[in-house]
Amino acid sequence: MANTKSAKNGALIGIGAAVAAAVIGGIVITSNLKKPSYQISEEEAQAKLTKLLHNVDVKNVEPRKAPVDFTSNDLANTLPDIDQYPLTVTGDGQVNIEIFASPEKAGSGTDGWLNETAKSFNQKHERTASGMTMSVSVRSISSGMGSDYIVSGKYLPDAYTPSNSMWGTMAVSNGAQLSTRNGTDRLVGNVAGILLSDDMVKTLTADYGSITIETITRATQEGKVAMGYTYPYTSSTGLNFLVSSLYSFDNADPLSTKAVGEFQKFQANVPFVCYTTQQMRGAMQSGSLNACIMEYQTYCNDSTLQKKYKFYPFGARHDNPLYEVGSISSDKEEVLRTFTAYCQDAEQQKNATRYGFNQMDTYKAAEPDFDALTLINAQQLWKQEKDSGKPVVAVFVADVSGSMIGDPLNRLKTSLLSASQYINSNNYIGLVSYSSDVSVNLPIAQFDLDQRSCFTGAVQDMTASGATCTYDAVLQGIKMLQDAKTTIPDAKLMLFVLSDGETNTGCKLSQISGIVDAFNIPIYTISYNESINELSELSAINEAATINANSEDVVYKLSSLFNAQM
């Protein structure tokens, strides 16, 4: 059984990896998309919004200040129980080791190489020098999230194999004990890359002569490419792209004033950083993006991608190191050494090649191996500069209907308060709650200490009862955002909706879809304890992400969402 440790404070290295994909799969461009039947002009949307809200009972709640707790986001307490991420292979030997493995190795189909290798190894019933049978268990978990568990001490596996070594570098700098002494620096080979359509390849070649990360970032700055990449706090490819871009801006110092300035210009022309695979897929289908990042192993397993896009490698290799975690017994060390050798034998490597690994072994990174300080500072730089100096104005819309009574509402409050600590103080926040009617718990204001105090009091005071008028509350949130836009015209507007059930009173989704589309406000939805199809449809209108969460992991998922977007 893997070791466990008592919770301790840990640095936020990869928060949110449960929901942020490290690779982007199954992307298909749909051309000549039909105009949705609900599309209306902005003037029509404003008139319809006013008309619908006329029939909505909106109450204003007197704000109450409460002490702000800046220690409640302890990473160990935020992370869900490890059982939320079940084993993909369960070993039954007398000496068993558990390995955290990134999903492209520990998934299914062509993503299941490590699972198949572990099962094959377990069937051999190898024995240690002392005569005990060996086995391996595998837990599929994203690279950043695996790092979070290890750094926080919430749960320690015996071994850890992220997509690239950046996660190991950062984890060690934050106190984790990782070593490849009984593992390896390379389990299987892989490469990160940028996908470009044939037309874009021709355009960039004509304009810049060659296609490199330098020319792609320059083309993005100049508005010739709508570039999409993934959340660098959780995605191996996203983190790699971030630091590689910064290095392309200034080879001598990727965190220099020059690099920061170039990044700001680059980011100003990035439509959005994709939080989930679904969000990236929707953006590619709609034509919002014409370039994206992914690993070669995903690309070469999708014939549609290969027909439509060319792959251009960038950044550090993704060679899937295998680390020993902490101080494990000598018997477990022997199992790890034996399993590492088994993974690296000719037959298992042949299988890995068949599944898309080991395909671009001649590629070498132009960038150096970045140290932990550079990687962590790059993440923090992204957090500060991702909106290119524009403030975010957001309204949280929280379901407090009768089904939320008890633990659901308590966990929702905890998640809102914990997650709010990842919101930059230059952003503007408001809060709406709803049941049979709608309440404005907190008008929009800059999220300074005073507003944080009012937000804390407003969340603490929410009570549950009544029916579920989700779309009435969404309309009120949109009105608040539109009003705020008159005084903060350059702001990025967004809405977050948290609900545990289907709407059963008030407006319907069909009545508000045109309004949401016309104002182009992304609506991020969190389905709490139940997958709600309509919430996914609401998010899809403007290509925002939808997340399914439960009582165990809602704190972690909401924290990661706020960290990514706010």
Protein backbone atom coordinates (compact mmCIF):
# COMPACT_ATOMS: atom_id res chain seq x y z
CA MET A 1 0.00 0.00 0.00
CA ALA A 2 1.25 3.48 -0.81
CA ASN A 3 2.40 5.74 1.99
CA THR A 4 0.21 8.52 3.40
CA LYS A 5 1.33 11.57 5.36
CA SER A 6 -0.44 14.15 7.42
CA ALA A 7 -1.41 17.30 5.53
CA LYS A 8 1.08 20.13 5.40
CA ASN A 9 1.29 23.40 3.54
CA GLY A 10 2.31 22.91 -0.07
CA ALA A 11 3.02 25.22 -2.97
CA LEU A 12 0.46 25.46 -5.75
CA ILE A 13 2.30 23.66 -8.55
CA GLY A 14 -0.34 22.01 -10.66
CA ILE A 15 -3.71 22.73 -9.10
CA GLY A 16 -6.66 21.71 -11.20
CA ALA A 17 -5.16 18.85 -13.15
CA ALA A 18 -8.22 16.72 -12.55
CA VAL A 19 -10.06 18.81 -15.06
CA ALA A 20 -7.41 20.35 -17.26
CA ALA A 21 -6.22 18.05 -20.00
CA ALA A 22 -2.51 17.79 -20.75
CA VAL A 23 -3.16 16.87 -24.36
CA ILE A 24 -5.81 17.86 -26.85
CA GLY A 25 -7.44 15.02 -28.77
CA GLY A 26 -10.12 14.53 -31.34
CA ILE A 27 -10.13 18.06 -32.75
CA VAL A 28 -12.07 18.42 -35.98
CA ILE A 29 -12.55 21.67 -37.87
CA THR A 30 -16.11 22.28 -39.03
CA SER A 31 -16.28 24.79 -41.87
CA ASN A 32 -19.28 26.86 -42.90
CA LEU A 33 -21.03 26.36 -39.57
CA LYS A 34 -24.70 27.26 -39.74
CA LYS A 35 -25.76 30.37 -37.91
CA PRO A 36 -27.58 29.30 -34.71
CA SER A 37 -31.30 29.97 -34.82
CA TYR A 38 -31.12 31.93 -31.57
CA GLN A 39 -28.72 34.61 -32.85
CA ILE A 40 -29.97 38.17 -32.45
CA SER A 41 -28.36 41.60 -32.56
CA GLU A 42 -26.94 43.24 -29.46
CA GLU A 43 -29.73 45.84 -29.56
CA GLU A 44 -32.35 43.09 -29.68
CA ALA A 45 -30.59 41.29 -26.87
CA GLN A 46 -30.63 44.39 -24.67
CA ALA A 47 -34.35 44.86 -25.23
CA LYS A 48 -35.06 41.19 -24.55
CA LEU A 49 -32.94 41.24 -21.39
CA THR A 50 -34.87 44.21 -20.04
CA LYS A 51 -38.19 42.58 -20.87
CA LEU A 52 -37.39 39.22 -19.27
CA LEU A 53 -35.90 40.77 -16.13
CA HIS A 54 -39.08 42.80 -15.67
CA ASN A 55 -40.76 39.55 -14.59
CA VAL A 56 -37.93 38.41 -12.29
CA ASP A 57 -38.14 39.05 -8.56
CA VAL A 58 -34.69 40.42 -7.64
CA LYS A 59 -33.82 41.18 -4.03
CA ASN A 60 -30.83 43.19 -2.84
CA VAL A 61 -29.09 41.81 0.24
CA GLU A 62 -27.31 44.23 2.58
CA PRO A 63 -23.58 43.34 2.45
CA ARG A 64 -21.96 42.20 5.69
CA LYS A 65 -18.23 42.27 6.28
CA ALA A 66 -16.55 39.21 7.74
CA PRO A 67 -12.89 38.38 8.50
CA VAL A 68 -10.97 37.08 5.48
CA ASP A 69 -9.08 33.83 6.11
CA PHE A 70 -5.99 33.72 3.91
CA THR A 71 -4.92 30.31 5.23
CA SER A 72 -7.96 28.27 4.19
CA ASN A 73 -6.47 27.27 0.85
CA ASP A 74 -3.97 24.83 2.36
CA LEU A 75 -3.31 22.54 -0.59
CA ALA A 76 -3.66 19.30 1.35
CA ASN A 77 -7.10 20.32 2.60
CA THR A 78 -8.14 21.48 -0.86
CA LEU A 79 -7.25 18.24 -2.64
CA PRO A 80 -9.99 15.57 -2.82
CA ASP A 81 -9.56 12.08 -1.43
CA ILE A 82 -7.33 10.04 -3.71
CA ASP A 83 -10.16 7.53 -4.23
CA GLN A 84 -11.71 10.11 -6.57
CA TYR A 85 -9.04 8.92 -9.02
CA PRO A 86 -9.23 5.11 -8.95
CA LEU A 87 -6.44 2.73 -9.89
CA THR A 88 -6.30 1.69 -13.53
CA VAL A 89 -4.19 -1.35 -12.65
CA THR A 90 -4.29 -3.10 -9.26
CA GLY A 91 -1.32 -5.23 -8.31
CA ASP A 92 -1.69 -8.18 -5.91
CA GLY A 93 1.91 -9.16 -5.24
CA GLN A 94 3.43 -9.50 -1.80
CA VAL A 95 5.47 -6.40 -2.60
CA ASN A 96 3.39 -3.92 -4.57
CA ILE A 97 4.31 -0.41 -5.68
CA GLU A 98 1.85 2.28 -6.75
CA ILE A 99 2.74 4.61 -9.62
CA PHE A 100 1.11 7.96 -10.44
CA ALA A 101 1.07 8.08 -14.26
CA SER A 102 -0.03 10.80 -16.70
CA PRO A 103 -3.20 9.95 -18.67
CA GLU A 104 -1.58 9.56 -22.10
CA LYS A 105 0.21 6.51 -20.65
CA ALA A 106 -2.40 5.25 -18.19
CA GLY A 107 -5.64 5.77 -20.11
CA SER A 108 -7.36 3.44 -22.55
CA GLY A 109 -6.77 2.39 -26.15
CA THR A 110 -3.67 3.99 -27.60
CA ASP A 111 -3.27 5.90 -24.31
CA GLY A 112 -3.02 2.68 -22.30
CA TRP A 113 0.57 1.60 -22.86
CA LEU A 114 1.69 1.72 -19.21
CA ASN A 115 -1.47 -0.04 -18.03
CA GLU A 116 -0.86 -2.90 -20.46
CA THR A 117 2.81 -3.06 -19.51
CA ALA A 118 1.96 -3.19 -15.79
CA LYS A 119 -0.60 -5.96 -16.32
CA SER A 120 1.91 -7.95 -18.35
CA PHE A 121 4.56 -7.45 -15.66
CA ASN A 122 2.16 -8.57 -12.92
CA GLN A 123 1.37 -11.79 -14.81
CA LYS A 124 5.05 -12.77 -14.72
CA HIS A 125 4.98 -13.07 -10.89
CA GLU A 126 8.60 -11.98 -10.55
CA ARG A 127 10.13 -12.44 -7.10
CA THR A 128 12.38 -10.28 -5.01
CA ALA A 129 15.73 -11.50 -3.73
CA SER A 130 13.93 -12.47 -0.50
CA GLY A 131 11.41 -14.58 -2.44
CA MET A 132 8.31 -12.36 -2.34
CA THR A 133 6.16 -11.83 -5.44
CA MET A 134 6.31 -8.42 -7.16
CA SER A 135 3.48 -6.34 -8.63
CA VAL A 136 2.66 -2.83 -9.79
CA SER A 137 -0.47 -0.69 -9.38
CA VAL A 138 -1.08 2.31 -11.65
CA ARG A 139 -3.16 5.39 -10.90
CA SER A 140 -3.99 7.62 -13.88
CA ILE A 141 -3.59 11.21 -12.74
CA SER A 142 -2.52 14.34 -14.57
CA SER A 143 1.07 15.46 -14.11
CA GLY A 144 0.28 18.65 -12.21
CA MET A 145 -2.26 17.05 -9.92
CA GLY A 146 0.11 14.20 -9.10
CA SER A 147 2.69 16.79 -8.13
CA ASP A 148 0.12 18.51 -5.89
CA TYR A 149 -0.57 15.33 -3.93
CA ILE A 150 3.13 14.64 -3.48
CA VAL A 151 4.19 18.19 -2.55
CA SER A 152 1.30 18.64 -0.10
CA GLY A 153 1.83 15.24 1.51
CA LYS A 154 -1.87 14.48 1.06
CA TYR A 155 -1.02 11.15 -0.55
CA LEU A 156 2.31 9.65 -1.55
CA PRO A 157 2.63 6.98 -4.23
CA ASP A 158 5.80 4.94 -4.46
CA ALA A 159 6.65 6.30 -7.90
CA TYR A 160 5.58 9.12 -10.23
CA THR A 161 5.82 9.45 -14.00
CA PRO A 162 4.69 12.87 -15.31
CA SER A 163 4.80 13.78 -19.00
CA ASN A 164 7.96 15.84 -18.66
CA SER A 165 10.64 16.62 -16.10
CA MET A 166 9.42 20.17 -15.39
CA TRP A 167 6.98 18.88 -12.78
CA GLY A 168 9.71 16.93 -11.01
CA THR A 169 11.99 19.98 -11.01
CA MET A 170 9.30 22.17 -9.40
CA ALA A 171 8.19 19.49 -6.94
CA VAL A 172 11.71 18.96 -5.64
CA SER A 173 12.14 22.71 -5.16
CA ASN A 174 8.99 22.66 -3.03
CA GLY A 175 10.26 19.93 -0.74
CA ALA A 176 9.28 16.70 -2.49
CA GLN A 177 11.71 13.79 -2.38
CA LEU A 178 12.02 12.54 -5.95
CA SER A 179 14.81 10.49 -7.48
CA THR A 180 15.42 8.55 -10.69
CA ARG A 181 18.00 6.36 -8.93
CA ASN A 182 15.77 3.31 -9.23
CA GLY A 183 13.67 4.73 -12.05
CA THR A 184 14.73 6.49 -15.24
CA ASP A 185 14.97 9.89 -16.92
CA ARG A 186 13.10 8.42 -19.90
CA LEU A 187 10.40 5.80 -19.81
CA VAL A 188 9.11 6.48 -23.35
CA GLY A 189 9.82 9.34 -25.74
CA ASN A 190 7.36 12.06 -26.76
CA VAL A 191 7.42 15.64 -28.09
CA ALA A 192 5.18 18.68 -27.69
CA GLY A 193 4.20 20.58 -30.80
CA ILE A 194 2.07 23.21 -32.49
CA LEU A 195 -0.57 22.21 -35.04
CA LEU A 196 -1.11 24.45 -38.06
CA SER A 197 -3.46 24.02 -41.01
CA ASP A 198 -2.02 23.75 -44.53
CA ASP A 199 -3.22 27.26 -45.38
CA MET A 200 -1.61 28.70 -42.27
CA VAL A 201 1.63 26.86 -43.06
CA LYS A 202 1.71 28.50 -46.51
CA THR A 203 0.97 31.93 -45.07
CA LEU A 204 3.61 31.79 -42.35
CA THR A 205 6.24 30.31 -44.68
CA ALA A 206 5.64 33.12 -47.16
CA ASP A 207 5.72 35.82 -44.49
CA TYR A 208 8.55 34.58 -42.28
CA GLY A 209 10.51 32.05 -44.32
CA SER A 210 10.34 29.30 -41.71
CA ILE A 211 8.01 28.05 -39.01
CA THR A 212 9.39 28.07 -35.48
CA ILE A 213 8.00 29.02 -32.11
CA GLU A 214 9.57 32.47 -32.68
CA THR A 215 7.70 33.04 -35.94
CA ILE A 216 4.45 31.61 -34.59
CA THR A 217 4.50 33.90 -31.55
CA ARG A 218 5.36 36.85 -33.81
CA ALA A 219 2.50 35.96 -36.15
CA THR A 220 0.17 35.82 -33.16
CA GLN A 221 1.33 39.26 -32.02
CA GLU A 222 0.60 40.56 -35.50
CA GLY A 223 -2.87 39.02 -35.56
CA LYS A 224 -2.16 36.48 -38.30
CA VAL A 225 -2.66 33.43 -36.07
CA ALA A 226 -5.40 32.77 -33.51
CA MET A 227 -3.28 30.67 -31.16
CA GLY A 228 -4.74 28.41 -28.48
CA TYR A 229 -2.84 26.77 -25.65
CA THR A 230 -3.69 25.03 -22.40
CA TYR A 231 -3.56 26.10 -18.76
CA PRO A 232 0.15 26.12 -17.73
CA TYR A 233 -0.51 25.33 -14.06
CA THR A 234 -1.76 21.85 -14.99
CA SER A 235 -0.92 21.02 -18.58
CA SER A 236 2.55 19.73 -19.40
CA THR A 237 2.23 21.01 -22.96
CA GLY A 238 0.84 24.34 -21.76
CA LEU A 239 3.68 24.90 -19.30
CA ASN A 240 6.22 23.91 -21.94
CA PHE A 241 4.68 26.37 -24.42
CA LEU A 242 4.69 29.18 -21.87
CA VAL A 243 8.38 28.93 -20.95
CA SER A 244 9.42 28.24 -24.55
CA SER A 245 7.58 31.37 -25.69
CA LEU A 246 9.22 33.49 -23.00
CA TYR A 247 12.61 32.10 -24.01
CA SER A 248 11.90 32.96 -27.65
CA PHE A 249 11.28 36.56 -26.58
CA ASP A 250 14.60 36.79 -24.73
CA ASN A 251 17.13 33.94 -24.94
CA ALA A 252 19.33 35.53 -22.27
CA ASP A 253 16.57 35.95 -19.67
CA PRO A 254 13.06 34.56 -20.29
CA LEU A 255 11.74 36.62 -17.36
CA SER A 256 13.30 39.94 -18.41
CA THR A 257 11.38 43.17 -18.91
CA LYS A 258 11.73 42.62 -22.66
CA ALA A 259 10.28 39.10 -22.46
CA VAL A 260 7.39 40.28 -20.30
CA GLY A 261 6.58 43.09 -22.73
CA GLU A 262 6.62 40.72 -25.70
CA PHE A 263 4.45 38.26 -23.81
CA GLN A 264 1.90 40.98 -23.11
CA LYS A 265 1.70 41.77 -26.84
CA PHE A 266 1.42 38.06 -27.64
CA GLN A 267 -1.24 37.41 -25.04
CA ALA A 268 -3.31 40.38 -26.20
CA ASN A 269 -3.95 38.47 -29.43
CA VAL A 270 -4.66 35.07 -27.85
CA PRO A 271 -8.47 34.58 -27.86
CA PHE A 272 -8.32 32.61 -24.61
CA VAL A 273 -6.28 29.98 -22.81
CA CYS A 274 -8.25 26.75 -22.96
CA TYR A 275 -9.14 25.27 -19.61
CA THR A 276 -10.39 21.91 -20.84
CA THR A 277 -10.09 19.67 -23.88
CA GLN A 278 -13.73 20.34 -24.69
CA GLN A 279 -13.16 24.08 -24.71
CA MET A 280 -10.24 23.73 -27.12
CA ARG A 281 -12.24 21.39 -29.36
CA GLY A 282 -15.19 23.78 -29.48
CA ALA A 283 -12.94 26.72 -30.35
CA MET A 284 -11.32 24.80 -33.20
CA GLN A 285 -14.68 23.65 -34.53
CA SER A 286 -16.09 27.18 -34.53
CA GLY A 287 -13.03 28.69 -36.16
CA SER A 288 -12.08 30.82 -33.15
CA LEU A 289 -8.64 29.18 -33.19
CA ASN A 290 -6.53 28.10 -36.16
CA ALA A 291 -3.51 26.84 -34.24
CA CYS A 292 -3.16 24.78 -31.07
CA ILE A 293 -0.69 22.70 -29.08
CA MET A 294 -0.58 18.98 -28.30
CA GLU A 295 1.75 16.04 -27.88
CA TYR A 296 2.91 14.07 -30.91
CA GLN A 297 1.60 10.81 -29.45
CA THR A 298 -1.94 12.21 -29.61
CA TYR A 299 -1.46 13.71 -33.06
CA CYS A 300 -0.12 10.56 -34.71
CA ASN A 301 -3.03 8.47 -33.41
CA ASP A 302 -5.64 10.68 -35.09
CA SER A 303 -5.84 10.37 -38.88
CA THR A 304 -8.19 13.38 -39.12
CA LEU A 305 -5.64 15.60 -37.40
CA GLN A 306 -2.88 14.36 -39.67
CA LYS A 307 -4.92 15.20 -42.77
CA LYS A 308 -5.81 18.70 -41.63
CA TYR A 309 -2.73 19.85 -39.72
CA LYS A 310 1.05 19.86 -39.78
CA PHE A 311 2.95 19.22 -36.54
CA TYR A 312 5.83 21.51 -35.53
CA PRO A 313 7.76 20.42 -32.40
CA PHE A 314 8.80 22.94 -29.77
CA GLY A 315 10.32 23.16 -26.33
CA ALA A 316 11.51 20.50 -23.94
CA ARG A 317 11.03 16.84 -24.76
CA HIS A 318 8.24 14.91 -23.03
CA ASP A 319 10.24 11.80 -22.19
CA ASN A 320 8.14 10.68 -19.23
CA PRO A 321 10.67 10.33 -16.42
CA LEU A 322 9.94 7.76 -13.70
CA TYR A 323 10.70 9.01 -10.18
CA GLU A 324 10.93 7.14 -6.90
CA VAL A 325 8.89 9.09 -4.31
CA GLY A 326 10.13 9.53 -0.75
CA SER A 327 11.91 6.79 1.15
CA ILE A 328 10.50 3.43 0.11
CA SER A 329 11.63 0.04 1.40
CA SER A 330 14.48 -1.88 -0.21
CA ASP A 331 11.95 -4.47 -1.45
CA LYS A 332 9.93 -1.75 -3.18
CA GLU A 333 13.12 -0.28 -4.64
CA GLU A 334 13.83 -3.70 -6.14
CA VAL A 335 10.33 -3.85 -7.65
CA LEU A 336 10.75 -0.36 -9.11
CA ARG A 337 14.14 -1.24 -10.65
CA THR A 338 12.78 -4.48 -12.07
CA PHE A 339 9.66 -2.82 -13.50
CA THR A 340 11.71 0.03 -15.00
CA ALA A 341 13.93 -2.49 -16.79
CA TYR A 342 10.84 -4.37 -17.99
CA CYS A 343 9.35 -1.16 -19.44
CA GLN A 344 12.59 -0.47 -21.27
CA ASP A 345 13.06 -3.90 -22.85
CA ALA A 346 12.73 -4.20 -26.61
CA GLU A 347 9.25 -5.72 -26.67
CA GLN A 348 7.65 -3.12 -24.38
CA GLN A 349 9.34 -0.26 -26.22
CA LYS A 350 8.06 -1.72 -29.51
CA ASN A 351 4.54 -1.60 -28.07
CA ALA A 352 5.12 1.99 -26.97
CA THR A 353 6.18 2.91 -30.50
CA ARG A 354 3.04 1.24 -31.86
CA TYR A 355 0.99 3.51 -29.54
CA GLY A 356 2.67 6.67 -30.79
CA PHE A 357 5.63 7.11 -28.44
CA ASN A 358 9.32 7.12 -29.47
CA GLN A 359 8.40 8.70 -32.82
CA MET A 360 10.58 11.83 -32.97
CA ASP A 361 13.74 10.75 -31.21
CA THR A 362 15.99 12.97 -33.33
CA TYR A 363 14.30 16.12 -32.03
CA LYS A 364 16.32 18.07 -29.48
CA ALA A 365 15.16 21.17 -27.62
CA ALA A 366 16.75 24.49 -28.51
CA GLU A 367 15.90 25.77 -25.03
CA PRO A 368 17.94 24.93 -21.91
CA ASP A 369 16.62 22.86 -19.02
CA PHE A 370 14.80 25.53 -17.05
CA ASP A 371 15.38 25.60 -13.30
CA ALA A 372 12.54 25.50 -10.78
CA LEU A 373 12.64 29.23 -10.05
CA THR A 374 12.22 30.07 -13.74
CA LEU A 375 9.33 27.62 -14.13
CA ILE A 376 7.48 28.81 -11.03
CA ASN A 377 8.07 32.49 -11.85
CA ALA A 378 6.84 31.86 -15.40
CA GLN A 379 3.57 30.46 -14.01
CA GLN A 380 3.20 33.48 -11.74
CA LEU A 381 3.99 35.82 -14.64
CA TRP A 382 1.28 34.13 -16.70
CA LYS A 383 -1.20 34.57 -13.86
CA GLN A 384 -0.41 38.29 -13.64
CA GLU A 385 -0.18 39.07 -17.36
CA LYS A 386 -2.56 36.62 -19.05
CA ASP A 387 -5.20 39.35 -19.48
CA SER A 388 -2.66 41.88 -20.85
CA GLY A 389 -3.44 44.41 -18.16
CA LYS A 390 -7.21 44.29 -18.65
CA PRO A 391 -9.25 43.73 -15.49
CA VAL A 392 -11.69 40.83 -15.30
CA VAL A 393 -15.23 41.59 -14.21
CA ALA A 394 -17.01 38.46 -13.03
CA VAL A 395 -20.27 37.56 -11.34
CA PHE A 396 -20.69 34.31 -9.44
CA VAL A 397 -24.19 32.85 -9.68
CA ALA A 398 -24.79 30.30 -6.90
CA ASP A 399 -27.67 27.82 -6.61
CA VAL A 400 -29.16 27.89 -3.08
CA SER A 401 -32.32 25.89 -3.84
CA GLY A 402 -33.72 23.33 -1.41
CA SER A 403 -31.60 20.48 -2.77
CA MET A 404 -28.49 22.31 -1.54
CA ILE A 405 -29.49 22.16 2.15
CA GLY A 406 -26.81 20.74 4.44
CA ASP A 407 -23.45 19.44 3.24
CA PRO A 408 -23.83 20.55 -0.42
CA LEU A 409 -24.25 24.21 0.57
CA ASN A 410 -21.51 23.98 3.19
CA ARG A 411 -19.06 22.56 0.66
CA LEU A 412 -20.11 25.16 -1.88
CA LYS A 413 -19.40 27.94 0.62
CA THR A 414 -16.03 26.42 1.45
CA SER A 415 -15.12 26.14 -2.22
CA LEU A 416 -16.11 29.74 -2.99
CA LEU A 417 -14.14 31.14 -0.06
CA SER A 418 -11.09 28.98 -0.69
CA ALA A 419 -11.13 29.58 -4.45
CA SER A 420 -11.56 33.33 -4.04
CA GLN A 421 -7.99 33.54 -2.79
CA TYR A 422 -6.80 32.87 -6.35
CA ILE A 423 -8.57 35.97 -7.70
CA ASN A 424 -6.28 38.89 -8.51
CA SER A 425 -7.07 42.01 -6.49
CA ASN A 426 -7.30 44.20 -9.62
CA ASN A 427 -10.35 42.24 -10.82
CA TYR A 428 -13.98 43.11 -10.09
CA ILE A 429 -16.36 40.62 -8.45
CA GLY A 430 -20.08 40.35 -7.73
CA LEU A 431 -22.25 37.58 -6.25
CA VAL A 432 -25.79 36.46 -7.06
CA SER A 433 -27.68 33.58 -5.45
CA TYR A 434 -30.97 32.03 -6.47
CA SER A 435 -33.69 29.57 -5.56
CA SER A 436 -37.34 30.44 -6.33
CA ASP A 437 -36.19 34.04 -6.76
CA VAL A 438 -32.93 35.92 -7.29
CA SER A 439 -30.79 37.79 -4.74
CA VAL A 440 -27.93 40.19 -5.39
CA ASN A 441 -25.74 39.29 -2.44
CA LEU A 442 -22.86 41.51 -3.47
CA PRO A 443 -22.78 44.26 -6.13
CA ILE A 444 -19.74 44.34 -8.41
CA ALA A 445 -16.69 46.13 -7.03
CA GLN A 446 -12.91 45.82 -7.19
CA PHE A 447 -11.77 42.78 -5.24
CA ASP A 448 -9.67 44.65 -2.71
CA LEU A 449 -9.59 43.68 0.96
CA ASP A 450 -12.86 45.51 1.66
CA GLN A 451 -14.69 43.68 -1.15
CA ARG A 452 -13.12 40.37 -0.11
CA SER A 453 -14.50 40.95 3.39
CA CYS A 454 -17.98 41.64 2.01
CA PHE A 455 -17.71 38.60 -0.27
CA THR A 456 -16.84 36.42 2.73
CA GLY A 457 -19.83 37.68 4.68
CA ALA A 458 -22.17 37.27 1.70
CA VAL A 459 -21.09 33.68 1.12
CA GLN A 460 -21.30 32.78 4.80
CA ASP A 461 -24.86 34.17 5.01
CA MET A 462 -26.31 32.17 2.09
CA THR A 463 -29.11 29.78 3.07
CA ALA A 464 -30.88 27.14 0.98
CA SER A 465 -34.58 26.64 0.21
CA GLY A 466 -37.09 26.73 -2.64
CA ALA A 467 -37.01 25.93 -6.36
CA THR A 468 -34.35 26.49 -9.06
CA CYS A 469 -34.54 29.54 -11.37
CA THR A 470 -31.06 29.28 -12.88
CA TYR A 471 -31.67 31.32 -16.01
CA ASP A 472 -33.40 34.17 -14.17
CA ALA A 473 -30.22 34.47 -12.11
CA VAL A 474 -28.04 34.30 -15.23
CA LEU A 475 -29.98 37.22 -16.70
CA GLN A 476 -29.39 39.26 -13.54
CA GLY A 477 -25.69 38.43 -13.67
CA ILE A 478 -25.52 39.53 -17.32
CA LYS A 479 -27.26 42.82 -16.46
CA MET A 480 -24.72 43.49 -13.72
CA LEU A 481 -21.87 42.81 -16.13
CA GLN A 482 -23.34 45.04 -18.81
CA ASP A 483 -23.77 47.85 -16.31
CA ALA A 484 -20.18 47.44 -15.14
CA LYS A 485 -18.94 47.61 -18.73
CA THR A 486 -20.10 51.23 -18.99
CA THR A 487 -17.58 52.28 -16.34
CA ILE A 488 -14.87 49.69 -17.14
CA PRO A 489 -15.06 49.51 -20.96
CA ASP A 490 -11.85 47.51 -21.52
CA ALA A 491 -12.74 44.78 -19.00
CA LYS A 492 -13.08 41.08 -19.78
CA LEU A 493 -16.54 39.96 -18.70
CA MET A 494 -17.36 36.46 -17.47
CA LEU A 495 -19.97 34.59 -15.49
CA PHE A 496 -19.62 31.53 -13.23
CA VAL A 497 -22.73 29.42 -12.57
CA LEU A 498 -22.76 26.77 -9.82
CA SER A 499 -25.82 24.50 -9.65
CA ASP A 500 -26.80 21.02 -8.52
CA GLY A 501 -30.00 20.53 -10.50
CA GLU A 502 -32.12 21.24 -13.54
CA THR A 503 -34.00 24.53 -13.77
CA ASN A 504 -37.65 24.08 -12.73
CA THR A 505 -38.98 27.63 -12.61
CA GLY A 506 -38.52 30.95 -14.38
CA CYS A 507 -36.91 31.43 -17.80
CA LYS A 508 -35.75 28.56 -19.98
CA LEU A 509 -32.40 28.19 -21.70
CA SER A 510 -34.01 28.73 -25.10
CA GLN A 511 -35.24 32.16 -23.96
CA ILE A 512 -31.81 33.45 -22.94
CA SER A 513 -29.46 31.78 -25.48
CA GLY A 514 -29.68 34.69 -27.93
CA ILE A 515 -28.88 37.18 -25.17
CA VAL A 516 -25.83 35.21 -24.02
CA ASP A 517 -24.61 34.89 -27.60
CA ALA A 518 -25.15 38.55 -28.52
CA PHE A 519 -23.23 39.90 -25.52
CA ASN A 520 -20.45 37.30 -26.06
CA ILE A 521 -19.99 36.70 -22.34
CA PRO A 522 -18.33 33.35 -21.56
CA ILE A 523 -20.30 31.45 -18.92
CA TYR A 524 -18.33 28.85 -16.98
CA THR A 525 -20.62 26.29 -15.39
CA ILE A 526 -20.00 23.93 -12.49
CA SER A 527 -22.45 21.03 -12.22
CA TYR A 528 -22.45 20.11 -8.56
CA ASN A 529 -23.02 16.41 -7.69
CA GLU A 530 -24.82 15.83 -11.00
CA SER A 531 -24.02 16.18 -14.68
CA ILE A 532 -26.45 18.74 -16.12
CA ASN A 533 -26.63 18.79 -19.91
CA GLU A 534 -28.21 22.24 -20.11
CA LEU A 535 -25.32 23.79 -18.23
CA SER A 536 -22.95 22.33 -20.81
CA GLU A 537 -25.10 23.86 -23.54
CA LEU A 538 -25.01 27.22 -21.78
CA SER A 539 -21.19 27.16 -21.59
CA ALA A 540 -20.90 26.06 -25.21
CA ILE A 541 -22.61 29.20 -26.53
CA ASN A 542 -19.43 31.25 -26.05
CA GLU A 543 -16.92 28.38 -25.79
CA ALA A 544 -16.42 28.46 -22.03
CA ALA A 545 -15.70 25.36 -19.98
CA THR A 546 -18.15 23.21 -18.04
CA ILE A 547 -17.02 21.16 -15.06
CA ASN A 548 -18.62 18.30 -13.18
CA ALA A 549 -17.77 18.36 -9.47
CA ASN A 550 -18.92 16.59 -6.33
CA SER A 551 -18.72 17.20 -2.60
CA GLU A 552 -15.24 15.68 -2.47
CA ASP A 553 -13.52 17.62 -5.22
CA VAL A 554 -15.51 20.84 -5.70
CA VAL A 555 -13.03 22.87 -3.59
CA TYR A 556 -10.08 21.77 -5.72
CA LYS A 557 -11.85 22.16 -9.06
CA LEU A 558 -13.26 25.58 -8.29
CA SER A 559 -9.89 26.77 -6.99
CA SER A 560 -8.19 25.67 -10.19
CA LEU A 561 -10.88 27.29 -12.36
CA PHE A 562 -10.54 30.63 -10.56
CA ASN A 563 -6.75 30.41 -10.73
CA ALA A 564 -6.96 29.87 -14.48
CA GLN A 565 -9.51 32.55 -15.30
CA MET A 566 -9.28 35.19 -12.57
